């Protein structure tokens, strides 16, 4: 009898310990817009693994890639409303909400990784103040490769872009269509391959990575390495969810985020050359813009910078001035 009681007690204690362990484990969802093979998504998966390891299994993050949980424009609202605890967004997609999101999408403001990192030092603190009022913050960022122009036909100048069906995925790219007399078509990343294959899109600005993800080389044959801007993806986190974690788990998330940002910036830059070679290997013509095309694109950039400063007001003027202290105008 005593033996049986001891066994029952031991089993009860094991059950309680298991229940406590199960209760302590937290599961989060991280929606993202890009394909599983994209370097941003691969970095998210490594981030999730790091969080699991650093937290001793207390926090599990499920990455939902390719807009499978929420479409790209819906992710920010999902995080803000607590439908997802964190999510990855392309900052420039939300410029209509606040100009702060579009600062890294102004053509020719930051055209190198060094300049993009300086811009981040100015942009992200301002964004965090804005997002705090919505119960969120930026956890980390990772840049895309420098943006070039994909086209179905050769481009010798801005005039050659007139009438092209242009993928406008953000307010900035929509404004480019207007300034260059193109036809804007709103297409998100997950829909781009089909849009290219059916001729809905004939030209767009993006990175070498996007050209591979979307198999652009099957539909368009020209890529002009304009080095126009370096937009960033940001993983944003719901502050209520973050603050609800135990302190050691918060530290695990912060540690994993720093590792993801350091790794992501490095990988983005390192992969640029190999991505461009892949595009060449698959039949695309890659070349620098002609002097006339480069000059026309820079004129567009100057107009868009003026537009951005007007929309951002005094804060925008101050942010540009702070950035110019780090990167003087050329």
C-alpha atoms as a PDB file:
ATOM      1  CA  UNK A   1       0.000   0.000   0.000  1.00  0.00           C
ATOM      2  CA  UNK A   2       2.773   2.403   0.957  1.00  0.00           C
ATOM      3  CA  UNK A   3       4.587   1.517  -2.263  1.00  0.00           C
ATOM      4  CA  UNK A   4       1.491   2.214  -4.371  1.00  0.00           C
ATOM      5  CA  UNK A   5       0.962   5.579  -2.662  1.00  0.00           C
ATOM      6  CA  UNK A   6       4.570   6.459  -3.343  1.00  0.00           C
ATOM      7  CA  UNK A   7       4.219   5.541  -7.002  1.00  0.00           C
ATOM      8  CA  UNK A   8       1.003   7.579  -7.330  1.00  0.00           C
ATOM      9  CA  UNK A   9       2.684  10.546  -5.649  1.00  0.00           C
ATOM     10  CA  UNK A  10       5.673  10.295  -7.952  1.00  0.00           C
ATOM     11  CA  UNK A  11       3.434  10.123 -11.032  1.00  0.00           C
ATOM     12  CA  UNK A  12       1.433  13.078  -9.766  1.00  0.00           C
ATOM     13  CA  UNK A  13       4.582  15.131  -9.277  1.00  0.00           C
ATOM     14  CA  UNK A  14       5.822  14.219 -12.768  1.00  0.00           C
ATOM     15  CA  UNK A  15       2.456  15.219 -14.201  1.00  0.00           C
ATOM     16  CA  UNK A  16       2.509  18.530 -12.366  1.00  0.00           C
ATOM     17  CA  UNK A  17       6.041  19.202 -13.528  1.00  0.00           C
ATOM     18  CA  UNK A  18       5.067  18.425 -17.138  1.00  0.00           C
ATOM     19  CA  UNK A  19       2.000  20.645 -16.872  1.00  0.00           C
ATOM     20  CA  UNK A  20       4.074  23.481 -15.457  1.00  0.00           C
ATOM     21  CA  UNK A  21       6.574  23.075 -18.285  1.00  0.00           C
ATOM     22  CA  UNK A  22       3.819  23.075 -20.892  1.00  0.00           C
ATOM     23  CA  UNK A  23       2.235  26.142 -19.328  1.00  0.00           C
ATOM     24  CA  UNK A  24       5.553  27.981 -19.286  1.00  0.00           C
ATOM     25  CA  UNK A  25       6.103  27.454 -23.010  1.00  0.00           C
ATOM     26  CA  UNK A  26       4.780  30.312 -25.167  1.00  0.00           C
ATOM     27  CA  UNK A  27       4.002  30.036 -28.871  1.00  0.00           C
ATOM     28  CA  UNK A  28       4.054  33.019 -31.216  1.00  0.00           C
ATOM     29  CA  UNK A  29       3.220  33.554 -34.888  1.00  0.00           C
ATOM     30  CA  UNK A  30       5.445  35.582 -37.218  1.00  0.00           C
ATOM     31  CA  UNK A  31       3.801  36.368 -40.584  1.00  0.00           C
ATOM     32  CA  UNK A  32       6.067  37.341 -43.488  1.00  0.00           C
ATOM     33  CA  UNK A  33       5.450  38.190 -47.138  1.00  0.00           C
ATOM     34  CA  UNK A  34       8.340  36.515 -48.938  1.00  0.00           C
ATOM     35  CA  UNK A  35       9.044  33.015 -50.252  1.00  0.00           C
ATOM     36  CA  UNK A  36      10.700  30.332 -48.085  1.00  0.00           C
ATOM     37  CA  UNK A  37      13.922  30.487 -50.128  1.00  0.00           C
ATOM     38  CA  UNK A  38      14.283  34.277 -49.845  1.00  0.00           C
ATOM     39  CA  UNK A  39      17.222  35.361 -47.689  1.00  0.00           C
ATOM     40  CA  UNK A  40      14.921  37.436 -45.461  1.00  0.00           C
ATOM     41  CA  UNK A  41      12.761  34.387 -44.742  1.00  0.00           C
ATOM     42  CA  UNK A  42      15.802  32.201 -44.114  1.00  0.00           C
ATOM     43  CA  UNK A  43      17.002  34.807 -41.620  1.00  0.00           C
ATOM     44  CA  UNK A  44      13.598  34.764 -39.898  1.00  0.00           C
ATOM     45  CA  UNK A  45      13.819  30.995 -39.508  1.00  0.00           C
ATOM     46  CA  UNK A  46      17.281  31.327 -37.942  1.00  0.00           C
ATOM     47  CA  UNK A  47      15.950  34.046 -35.653  1.00  0.00           C
ATOM     48  CA  UNK A  48      13.153  31.715 -34.514  1.00  0.00           C
ATOM     49  CA  UNK A  49      15.653  28.926 -33.855  1.00  0.00           C
ATOM     50  CA  UNK A  50      17.846  31.300 -31.855  1.00  0.00           C
ATOM     51  CA  UNK A  51      14.894  32.425 -29.744  1.00  0.00           C
ATOM     52  CA  UNK A  52      14.054  28.796 -29.027  1.00  0.00           C
ATOM     53  CA  UNK A  53      17.664  28.036 -28.053  1.00  0.00           C
ATOM     54  CA  UNK A  54      18.341  31.224 -26.079  1.00  0.00           C
ATOM     55  CA  UNK A  55      15.076  30.907 -24.151  1.00  0.00           C
ATOM     56  CA  UNK A  56      15.640  27.249 -23.321  1.00  0.00           C
ATOM     57  CA  UNK A  57      12.523  26.315 -25.264  1.00  0.00           C
ATOM     58  CA  UNK A  58      10.261  28.718 -23.380  1.00  0.00           C
ATOM     59  CA  UNK A  59       9.317  30.634 -26.546  1.00  0.00           C
ATOM     60  CA  UNK A  60       8.541  28.993 -29.873  1.00  0.00           C
ATOM     61  CA  UNK A  61       8.035  31.186 -32.944  1.00  0.00           C
ATOM     62  CA  UNK A  62       6.307  29.840 -36.064  1.00  0.00           C
ATOM     63  CA  UNK A  63       7.316  31.683 -39.241  1.00  0.00           C
ATOM     64  CA  UNK A  64       4.513  31.916 -41.826  1.00  0.00           C
ATOM     65  CA  UNK A  65       6.221  32.862 -45.104  1.00  0.00           C
ATOM     66  CA  UNK A  66       4.909  33.848 -48.546  1.00  0.00           C
ATOM     67  CA  UNK A  67       1.943  35.824 -47.155  1.00  0.00           C
ATOM     68  CA  UNK A  68       0.354  32.544 -46.037  1.00  0.00           C
ATOM     69  CA  UNK A  69      -1.036  33.930 -42.759  1.00  0.00           C
ATOM     70  CA  UNK A  70      -1.567  37.593 -43.653  1.00  0.00           C
ATOM     71  CA  UNK A  71      -0.982  39.466 -46.900  1.00  0.00           C
ATOM     72  CA  UNK A  72       1.882  41.984 -46.860  1.00  0.00           C
ATOM     73  CA  UNK A  73      -0.306  45.096 -46.307  1.00  0.00           C
ATOM     74  CA  UNK A  74      -2.149  43.331 -43.442  1.00  0.00           C
ATOM     75  CA  UNK A  75       0.849  42.310 -41.332  1.00  0.00           C
ATOM     76  CA  UNK A  76       1.376  45.577 -39.469  1.00  0.00           C
ATOM     77  CA  UNK A  77      -2.274  45.775 -38.431  1.00  0.00           C
ATOM     78  CA  UNK A  78      -2.185  42.128 -37.353  1.00  0.00           C
ATOM     79  CA  UNK A  79       0.744  42.818 -35.031  1.00  0.00           C
ATOM     80  CA  UNK A  80      -0.821  46.022 -33.736  1.00  0.00           C
ATOM     81  CA  UNK A  81      -4.080  44.216 -32.973  1.00  0.00           C
ATOM     82  CA  UNK A  82      -2.406  41.214 -31.361  1.00  0.00           C
ATOM     83  CA  UNK A  83      -3.481  38.718 -34.040  1.00  0.00           C
ATOM     84  CA  UNK A  84       0.233  38.034 -34.430  1.00  0.00           C
ATOM     85  CA  UNK A  85       2.809  38.842 -31.791  1.00  0.00           C
ATOM     86  CA  UNK A  86       5.414  39.976 -34.312  1.00  0.00           C
ATOM     87  CA  UNK A  87       5.749  40.210 -38.067  1.00  0.00           C
ATOM     88  CA  UNK A  88       8.021  41.272 -40.912  1.00  0.00           C
ATOM     89  CA  UNK A  89       7.092  44.297 -43.007  1.00  0.00           C
ATOM     90  CA  UNK A  90       8.662  46.261 -45.836  1.00  0.00           C
ATOM     91  CA  UNK A  91       8.839  49.730 -44.313  1.00  0.00           C
ATOM     92  CA  UNK A  92       8.158  51.689 -47.502  1.00  0.00           C
ATOM     93  CA  UNK A  93       4.798  49.933 -47.898  1.00  0.00           C
ATOM     94  CA  UNK A  94       3.395  52.091 -45.102  1.00  0.00           C
ATOM     95  CA  UNK A  95       4.520  55.565 -46.196  1.00  0.00           C
ATOM     96  CA  UNK A  96       0.910  56.683 -46.680  1.00  0.00           C
ATOM     97  CA  UNK A  97       0.374  56.146 -42.956  1.00  0.00           C
ATOM     98  CA  UNK A  98       3.475  58.115 -41.978  1.00  0.00           C
ATOM     99  CA  UNK A  99       6.351  59.510 -44.069  1.00  0.00           C
ATOM    100  CA  UNK A 100       8.739  57.968 -41.517  1.00  0.00           C
ATOM    101  CA  UNK A 101       8.181  54.561 -43.103  1.00  0.00           C
ATOM    102  CA  UNK A 102       9.246  55.868 -46.516  1.00  0.00           C
ATOM    103  CA  UNK A 103      12.530  57.553 -45.670  1.00  0.00           C
ATOM    104  CA  UNK A 104      14.620  54.619 -46.915  1.00  0.00           C
ATOM    105  CA  UNK A 105      12.602  54.525 -50.164  1.00  0.00           C
ATOM    106  CA  UNK A 106      13.612  57.983 -51.400  1.00  0.00           C
ATOM    107  CA  UNK A 107      15.688  57.399 -54.558  1.00  0.00           C
ATOM    108  CA  UNK A 108      19.379  58.266 -54.278  1.00  0.00           C
ATOM    109  CA  UNK A 109      19.234  59.346 -50.637  1.00  0.00           C
ATOM    110  CA  UNK A 110      21.157  56.258 -49.481  1.00  0.00           C
ATOM    111  CA  UNK A 111      22.709  54.151 -52.241  1.00  0.00           C
ATOM    112  CA  UNK A 112      25.344  52.085 -50.407  1.00  0.00           C
ATOM    113  CA  UNK A 113      25.140  49.765 -47.411  1.00  0.00           C
ATOM    114  CA  UNK A 114      27.275  52.211 -45.436  1.00  0.00           C
ATOM    115  CA  UNK A 115      24.846  55.037 -46.194  1.00  0.00           C
ATOM    116  CA  UNK A 116      21.844  52.777 -45.505  1.00  0.00           C
ATOM    117  CA  UNK A 117      23.234  51.952 -42.072  1.00  0.00           C
ATOM    118  CA  UNK A 118      23.648  55.663 -41.351  1.00  0.00           C
ATOM    119  CA  UNK A 119      20.079  56.273 -42.492  1.00  0.00           C
ATOM    120  CA  UNK A 120      18.891  53.527 -40.163  1.00  0.00           C
ATOM    121  CA  UNK A 121      20.476  55.334 -37.202  1.00  0.00           C
ATOM    122  CA  UNK A 122      18.212  58.305 -37.971  1.00  0.00           C
ATOM    123  CA  UNK A 123      15.064  56.568 -39.203  1.00  0.00           C
ATOM    124  CA  UNK A 124      14.503  53.739 -36.708  1.00  0.00           C
ATOM    125  CA  UNK A 125      14.536  55.804 -33.470  1.00  0.00           C
ATOM    126  CA  UNK A 126      11.942  58.122 -35.031  1.00  0.00           C
ATOM    127  CA  UNK A 127       9.894  55.121 -36.127  1.00  0.00           C
ATOM    128  CA  UNK A 128      10.049  53.605 -32.649  1.00  0.00           C
ATOM    129  CA  UNK A 129       8.567  56.768 -31.141  1.00  0.00           C
ATOM    130  CA  UNK A 130       5.763  56.626 -33.690  1.00  0.00           C
ATOM    131  CA  UNK A 131       5.128  52.902 -33.225  1.00  0.00           C
ATOM    132  CA  UNK A 132       5.167  53.132 -29.423  1.00  0.00           C
ATOM    133  CA  UNK A 133       1.867  55.029 -29.585  1.00  0.00           C
ATOM    134  CA  UNK A 134       0.458  52.001 -31.426  1.00  0.00           C
ATOM    135  CA  UNK A 135       1.856  49.505 -28.932  1.00  0.00           C
ATOM    136  CA  UNK A 136       4.747  48.282 -31.089  1.00  0.00           C
ATOM    137  CA  UNK A 137       8.461  48.705 -31.710  1.00  0.00           C
ATOM    138  CA  UNK A 138      11.058  47.728 -34.301  1.00  0.00           C
ATOM    139  CA  UNK A 139      12.836  44.577 -33.193  1.00  0.00           C
ATOM    140  CA  UNK A 140      15.400  44.512 -35.989  1.00  0.00           C
ATOM    141  CA  UNK A 141      15.882  45.403 -39.655  1.00  0.00           C
ATOM    142  CA  UNK A 142      17.502  43.785 -42.689  1.00  0.00           C
ATOM    143  CA  UNK A 143      18.095  45.634 -45.981  1.00  0.00           C
ATOM    144  CA  UNK A 144      17.353  44.483 -49.484  1.00  0.00           C
ATOM    145  CA  UNK A 145      20.062  44.711 -52.101  1.00  0.00           C
ATOM    146  CA  UNK A 146      20.331  48.062 -53.930  1.00  0.00           C
ATOM    147  CA  UNK A 147      17.335  48.679 -56.165  1.00  0.00           C
ATOM    148  CA  UNK A 148      17.679  48.456 -59.929  1.00  0.00           C
ATOM    149  CA  UNK A 149      15.214  48.678 -62.812  1.00  0.00           C
ATOM    150  CA  UNK A 150      13.849  45.559 -64.519  1.00  0.00           C
ATOM    151  CA  UNK A 151      12.441  46.126 -68.000  1.00  0.00           C
ATOM    152  CA  UNK A 152      11.071  44.164 -70.935  1.00  0.00           C
ATOM    153  CA  UNK A 153      12.813  46.550 -73.339  1.00  0.00           C
ATOM    154  CA  UNK A 154      16.111  48.459 -73.465  1.00  0.00           C
ATOM    155  CA  UNK A 155      16.144  51.800 -71.649  1.00  0.00           C
ATOM    156  CA  UNK A 156      18.440  54.563 -72.910  1.00  0.00           C
ATOM    157  CA  UNK A 157      16.682  57.348 -71.027  1.00  0.00           C
ATOM    158  CA  UNK A 158      13.675  58.043 -68.828  1.00  0.00           C
ATOM    159  CA  UNK A 159      11.624  58.717 -71.975  1.00  0.00           C
ATOM    160  CA  UNK A 160      11.939  55.023 -72.884  1.00  0.00           C
ATOM    161  CA  UNK A 161       9.998  54.116 -69.742  1.00  0.00           C
ATOM    162  CA  UNK A 162       6.876  55.970 -70.898  1.00  0.00           C
ATOM    163  CA  UNK A 163       3.825  53.712 -71.032  1.00  0.00           C
ATOM    164  CA  UNK A 164       5.439  50.690 -69.384  1.00  0.00           C
ATOM    165  CA  UNK A 165       3.185  48.702 -67.046  1.00  0.00           C
ATOM    166  CA  UNK A 166       5.119  49.315 -63.836  1.00  0.00           C
ATOM    167  CA  UNK A 167       4.809  47.390 -60.586  1.00  0.00           C
ATOM    168  CA  UNK A 168       3.946  49.955 -57.901  1.00  0.00           C
ATOM    169  CA  UNK A 169       4.194  48.189 -54.542  1.00  0.00           C
ATOM    170  CA  UNK A 170       4.598  51.325 -52.405  1.00  0.00           C
ATOM    171  CA  UNK A 171       3.713  55.039 -52.487  1.00  0.00           C
ATOM    172  CA  UNK A 172       7.254  55.827 -53.641  1.00  0.00           C
ATOM    173  CA  UNK A 173       7.180  53.431 -56.589  1.00  0.00           C
ATOM    174  CA  UNK A 174       3.730  54.754 -57.463  1.00  0.00           C
ATOM    175  CA  UNK A 175       5.147  58.284 -57.527  1.00  0.00           C
ATOM    176  CA  UNK A 176       7.971  57.099 -59.820  1.00  0.00           C
ATOM    177  CA  UNK A 177       5.379  55.802 -62.256  1.00  0.00           C
ATOM    178  CA  UNK A 178       3.706  59.200 -62.264  1.00  0.00           C
ATOM    179  CA  UNK A 179       6.941  61.124 -62.802  1.00  0.00           C
ATOM    180  CA  UNK A 180       8.137  58.825 -65.583  1.00  0.00           C
ATOM    181  CA  UNK A 181       4.739  58.543 -67.323  1.00  0.00           C
ATOM    182  CA  UNK A 182       4.361  54.814 -66.709  1.00  0.00           C
ATOM    183  CA  UNK A 183       1.226  52.799 -65.940  1.00  0.00           C
ATOM    184  CA  UNK A 184       1.269  51.807 -62.240  1.00  0.00           C
ATOM    185  CA  UNK A 185       0.000  48.339 -61.298  1.00  0.00           C
ATOM    186  CA  UNK A 186      -0.284  47.363 -57.628  1.00  0.00           C
ATOM    187  CA  UNK A 187       1.276  43.915 -57.228  1.00  0.00           C
ATOM    188  CA  UNK A 188       2.583  42.351 -54.016  1.00  0.00           C
ATOM    189  CA  UNK A 189       5.651  40.098 -53.938  1.00  0.00           C
ATOM    190  CA  UNK A 190       3.683  36.848 -53.661  1.00  0.00           C
ATOM    191  CA  UNK A 191       1.756  37.736 -56.856  1.00  0.00           C
ATOM    192  CA  UNK A 192       4.670  39.045 -58.931  1.00  0.00           C
ATOM    193  CA  UNK A 193       5.593  35.832 -60.788  1.00  0.00           C
ATOM    194  CA  UNK A 194       2.105  35.456 -62.208  1.00  0.00           C
ATOM    195  CA  UNK A 195       1.864  39.160 -63.049  1.00  0.00           C
ATOM    196  CA  UNK A 196       5.106  38.938 -65.022  1.00  0.00           C
ATOM    197  CA  UNK A 197       4.109  35.732 -66.802  1.00  0.00           C
ATOM    198  CA  UNK A 198       0.788  37.219 -67.926  1.00  0.00           C
ATOM    199  CA  UNK A 199       2.225  40.573 -69.004  1.00  0.00           C
ATOM    200  CA  UNK A 200       0.475  42.539 -66.276  1.00  0.00           C
ATOM    201  CA  UNK A 201       3.914  43.873 -65.268  1.00  0.00           C
ATOM    202  CA  UNK A 202       6.531  44.970 -67.826  1.00  0.00           C
ATOM    203  CA  UNK A 203       8.931  46.838 -65.568  1.00  0.00           C
ATOM    204  CA  UNK A 204       9.646  47.405 -61.889  1.00  0.00           C
ATOM    205  CA  UNK A 205      12.269  48.551 -59.420  1.00  0.00           C
ATOM    206  CA  UNK A 206      13.605  46.000 -56.984  1.00  0.00           C
ATOM    207  CA  UNK A 207      16.582  43.992 -55.841  1.00  0.00           C
ATOM    208  CA  UNK A 208      18.513  41.198 -57.509  1.00  0.00           C
ATOM    209  CA  UNK A 209      16.983  38.830 -54.929  1.00  0.00           C
ATOM    210  CA  UNK A 210      13.453  39.663 -56.072  1.00  0.00           C
ATOM    211  CA  UNK A 211      14.417  38.941 -59.670  1.00  0.00           C
ATOM    212  CA  UNK A 212      15.371  35.425 -58.645  1.00  0.00           C
ATOM    213  CA  UNK A 213      12.442  34.816 -56.275  1.00  0.00           C
ATOM    214  CA  UNK A 214       9.924  35.860 -58.929  1.00  0.00           C
ATOM    215  CA  UNK A 215      11.748  34.263 -61.880  1.00  0.00           C
ATOM    216  CA  UNK A 216      11.741  37.657 -63.577  1.00  0.00           C
ATOM    217  CA  UNK A 217      14.361  36.357 -66.020  1.00  0.00           C
ATOM    218  CA  UNK A 218      11.629  34.236 -67.654  1.00  0.00           C
ATOM    219  CA  UNK A 219       9.648  37.349 -68.643  1.00  0.00           C
ATOM    220  CA  UNK A 220      11.959  40.383 -68.675  1.00  0.00           C
ATOM    221  CA  UNK A 221      15.452  40.521 -70.127  1.00  0.00           C
ATOM    222  CA  UNK A 222      17.008  43.772 -68.857  1.00  0.00           C
ATOM    223  CA  UNK A 223      18.194  44.801 -65.406  1.00  0.00           C
ATOM    224  CA  UNK A 224      19.718  48.254 -64.950  1.00  0.00           C
ATOM    225  CA  UNK A 225      21.918  48.485 -61.864  1.00  0.00           C
ATOM    226  CA  UNK A 226      20.748  51.905 -60.792  1.00  0.00           C
ATOM    227  CA  UNK A 227      21.728  51.562 -57.100  1.00  0.00           C
ATOM    228  CA  UNK A 228      18.709  53.786 -56.528  1.00  0.00           C
ATOM    229  CA  UNK A 229      17.907  53.057 -52.879  1.00  0.00           C
ATOM    230  CA  UNK A 230      18.220  50.333 -50.248  1.00  0.00           C
ATOM    231  CA  UNK A 231      14.871  49.641 -48.579  1.00  0.00           C
ATOM    232  CA  UNK A 232      14.616  47.668 -45.357  1.00  0.00           C
ATOM    233  CA  UNK A 233      12.399  44.961 -43.994  1.00  0.00           C
ATOM    234  CA  UNK A 234      11.666  45.355 -40.287  1.00  0.00           C
ATOM    235  CA  UNK A 235      10.462  42.822 -37.787  1.00  0.00           C
ATOM    236  CA  UNK A 236       8.015  44.678 -35.567  1.00  0.00           C
ATOM    237  CA  UNK A 237       6.796  43.328 -32.235  1.00  0.00           C
ATOM    238  CA  UNK A 238       3.688  43.897 -30.140  1.00  0.00           C
ATOM    239  CA  UNK A 239       4.844  45.561 -26.907  1.00  0.00           C
ATOM    240  CA  UNK A 240       2.109  43.968 -24.781  1.00  0.00           C
ATOM    241  CA  UNK A 241       3.206  40.516 -25.932  1.00  0.00           C
ATOM    242  CA  UNK A 242       6.880  41.352 -25.384  1.00  0.00           C
ATOM    243  CA  UNK A 243       6.305  42.869 -21.952  1.00  0.00           C
ATOM    244  CA  UNK A 244       4.294  39.806 -20.959  1.00  0.00           C
ATOM    245  CA  UNK A 245       7.335  37.561 -21.325  1.00  0.00           C
ATOM    246  CA  UNK A 246       9.549  36.609 -18.405  1.00  0.00           C
ATOM    247  CA  UNK A 247      12.625  38.791 -18.237  1.00  0.00           C
ATOM    248  CA  UNK A 248      14.987  36.005 -19.300  1.00  0.00           C
ATOM    249  CA  UNK A 249      12.814  35.310 -22.352  1.00  0.00           C
ATOM    250  CA  UNK A 250      12.764  39.016 -23.240  1.00  0.00           C
ATOM    251  CA  UNK A 251      16.546  38.948 -23.117  1.00  0.00           C
ATOM    252  CA  UNK A 252      16.556  35.874 -25.366  1.00  0.00           C
ATOM    253  CA  UNK A 253      14.388  37.680 -27.947  1.00  0.00           C
ATOM    254  CA  UNK A 254      16.582  40.786 -27.834  1.00  0.00           C
ATOM    255  CA  UNK A 255      19.748  38.717 -28.178  1.00  0.00           C
ATOM    256  CA  UNK A 256      18.322  36.754 -31.116  1.00  0.00           C
ATOM    257  CA  UNK A 257      17.159  39.988 -32.768  1.00  0.00           C
ATOM    258  CA  UNK A 258      20.627  41.521 -32.594  1.00  0.00           C
ATOM    259  CA  UNK A 259      22.113  38.382 -34.112  1.00  0.00           C
ATOM    260  CA  UNK A 260      19.474  38.412 -36.873  1.00  0.00           C
ATOM    261  CA  UNK A 261      20.144  42.053 -37.716  1.00  0.00           C
ATOM    262  CA  UNK A 262      23.923  41.624 -37.806  1.00  0.00           C
ATOM    263  CA  UNK A 263      23.602  38.459 -39.876  1.00  0.00           C
ATOM    264  CA  UNK A 264      20.955  39.895 -42.208  1.00  0.00           C
ATOM    265  CA  UNK A 265      22.893  43.036 -43.115  1.00  0.00           C
ATOM    266  CA  UNK A 266      25.999  40.948 -43.788  1.00  0.00           C
ATOM    267  CA  UNK A 267      24.185  38.332 -45.884  1.00  0.00           C
ATOM    268  CA  UNK A 268      22.328  40.959 -47.916  1.00  0.00           C
ATOM    269  CA  UNK A 269      25.571  42.561 -49.008  1.00  0.00           C
ATOM    270  CA  UNK A 270      27.427  39.292 -49.523  1.00  0.00           C
ATOM    271  CA  UNK A 271      24.731  37.791 -51.742  1.00  0.00           C
ATOM    272  CA  UNK A 272      24.456  40.767 -54.101  1.00  0.00           C
ATOM    273  CA  UNK A 273      27.195  39.607 -56.483  1.00  0.00           C
ATOM    274  CA  UNK A 274      26.004  35.991 -56.624  1.00  0.00           C
ATOM    275  CA  UNK A 275      22.389  37.014 -57.180  1.00  0.00           C
ATOM    276  CA  UNK A 276      23.367  39.236 -60.102  1.00  0.00           C
ATOM    277  CA  UNK A 277      25.454  36.416 -61.583  1.00  0.00           C
ATOM    278  CA  UNK A 278      22.465  34.097 -61.314  1.00  0.00           C
ATOM    279  CA  UNK A 279      20.381  36.590 -63.285  1.00  0.00           C
ATOM    280  CA  UNK A 280      23.082  36.694 -65.976  1.00  0.00           C
ATOM    281  CA  UNK A 281      23.327  32.902 -66.045  1.00  0.00           C
ATOM    282  CA  UNK A 282      19.580  32.731 -66.639  1.00  0.00           C
ATOM    283  CA  UNK A 283      19.647  35.009 -69.638  1.00  0.00           C
ATOM    284  CA  UNK A 284      19.255  38.548 -68.338  1.00  0.00           C
ATOM    285  CA  UNK A 285      21.310  41.496 -69.568  1.00  0.00           C
ATOM    286  CA  UNK A 286      22.712  43.441 -66.602  1.00  0.00           C
ATOM    287  CA  UNK A 287      24.302  46.829 -67.140  1.00  0.00           C
ATOM    288  CA  UNK A 288      24.706  50.247 -65.588  1.00  0.00           C
ATOM    289  CA  UNK A 289      22.189  52.893 -66.677  1.00  0.00           C
ATOM    290  CA  UNK A 290      23.265  55.113 -69.536  1.00  0.00           C
ATOM    291  CA  UNK A 291      24.300  58.626 -68.465  1.00  0.00           C
ATOM    292  CA  UNK A 292      20.957  59.926 -69.775  1.00  0.00           C
ATOM    293  CA  UNK A 293      18.901  57.328 -67.882  1.00  0.00           C
ATOM    294  CA  UNK A 294      20.937  57.872 -64.703  1.00  0.00           C
ATOM    295  CA  UNK A 295      20.413  61.643 -64.962  1.00  0.00           C
ATOM    296  CA  UNK A 296      16.666  61.228 -65.507  1.00  0.00           C
ATOM    297  CA  UNK A 297      16.361  58.876 -62.537  1.00  0.00           C
ATOM    298  CA  UNK A 298      18.280  61.290 -60.313  1.00  0.00           C
ATOM    299  CA  UNK A 299      15.929  64.108 -61.334  1.00  0.00           C
ATOM    300  CA  UNK A 300      13.058  61.904 -60.185  1.00  0.00           C
ATOM    301  CA  UNK A 301      14.915  61.271 -56.921  1.00  0.00           C
ATOM    302  CA  UNK A 302      15.352  65.001 -56.302  1.00  0.00           C
ATOM    303  CA  UNK A 303      11.624  65.611 -56.811  1.00  0.00           C
ATOM    304  CA  UNK A 304      10.741  62.726 -54.510  1.00  0.00           C
ATOM    305  CA  UNK A 305      13.071  63.956 -51.762  1.00  0.00           C
ATOM    306  CA  UNK A 306      11.349  67.346 -51.906  1.00  0.00           C
ATOM    307  CA  UNK A 307       7.969  65.580 -51.824  1.00  0.00           C
ATOM    308  CA  UNK A 308       9.033  63.529 -48.820  1.00  0.00           C
ATOM    309  CA  UNK A 309      10.287  66.527 -46.845  1.00  0.00           C
ATOM    310  CA  UNK A 310       7.023  68.381 -47.492  1.00  0.00           C
ATOM    311  CA  UNK A 311       4.980  65.431 -46.250  1.00  0.00           C
ATOM    312  CA  UNK A 312       7.212  64.898 -43.213  1.00  0.00           C
ATOM    313  CA  UNK A 313       7.249  68.590 -42.275  1.00  0.00           C
ATOM    314  CA  UNK A 314       9.600  69.933 -39.633  1.00  0.00           C
ATOM    315  CA  UNK A 315      10.422  66.441 -38.395  1.00  0.00           C
ATOM    316  CA  UNK A 316      11.442  65.383 -41.895  1.00  0.00           C
ATOM    317  CA  UNK A 317      13.701  68.403 -42.308  1.00  0.00           C
ATOM    318  CA  UNK A 318      15.342  67.603 -38.989  1.00  0.00           C
ATOM    319  CA  UNK A 319      15.819  63.937 -39.899  1.00  0.00           C
ATOM    320  CA  UNK A 320      17.399  64.781 -43.251  1.00  0.00           C
ATOM    321  CA  UNK A 321      19.702  67.273 -41.518  1.00  0.00           C
ATOM    322  CA  UNK A 322      20.722  64.586 -38.987  1.00  0.00           C
ATOM    323  CA  UNK A 323      21.383  62.168 -41.831  1.00  0.00           C
ATOM    324  CA  UNK A 324      23.443  64.732 -43.743  1.00  0.00           C
ATOM    325  CA  UNK A 325      25.684  65.102 -40.707  1.00  0.00           C
ATOM    326  CA  UNK A 326      26.529  61.422 -41.181  1.00  0.00           C
ATOM    327  CA  UNK A 327      26.414  61.363 -45.003  1.00  0.00           C
ATOM    328  CA  UNK A 328      26.946  64.723 -46.731  1.00  0.00           C
ATOM    329  CA  UNK A 329      25.058  65.287 -49.987  1.00  0.00           C
ATOM    330  CA  UNK A 330      27.054  64.368 -53.111  1.00  0.00           C
END
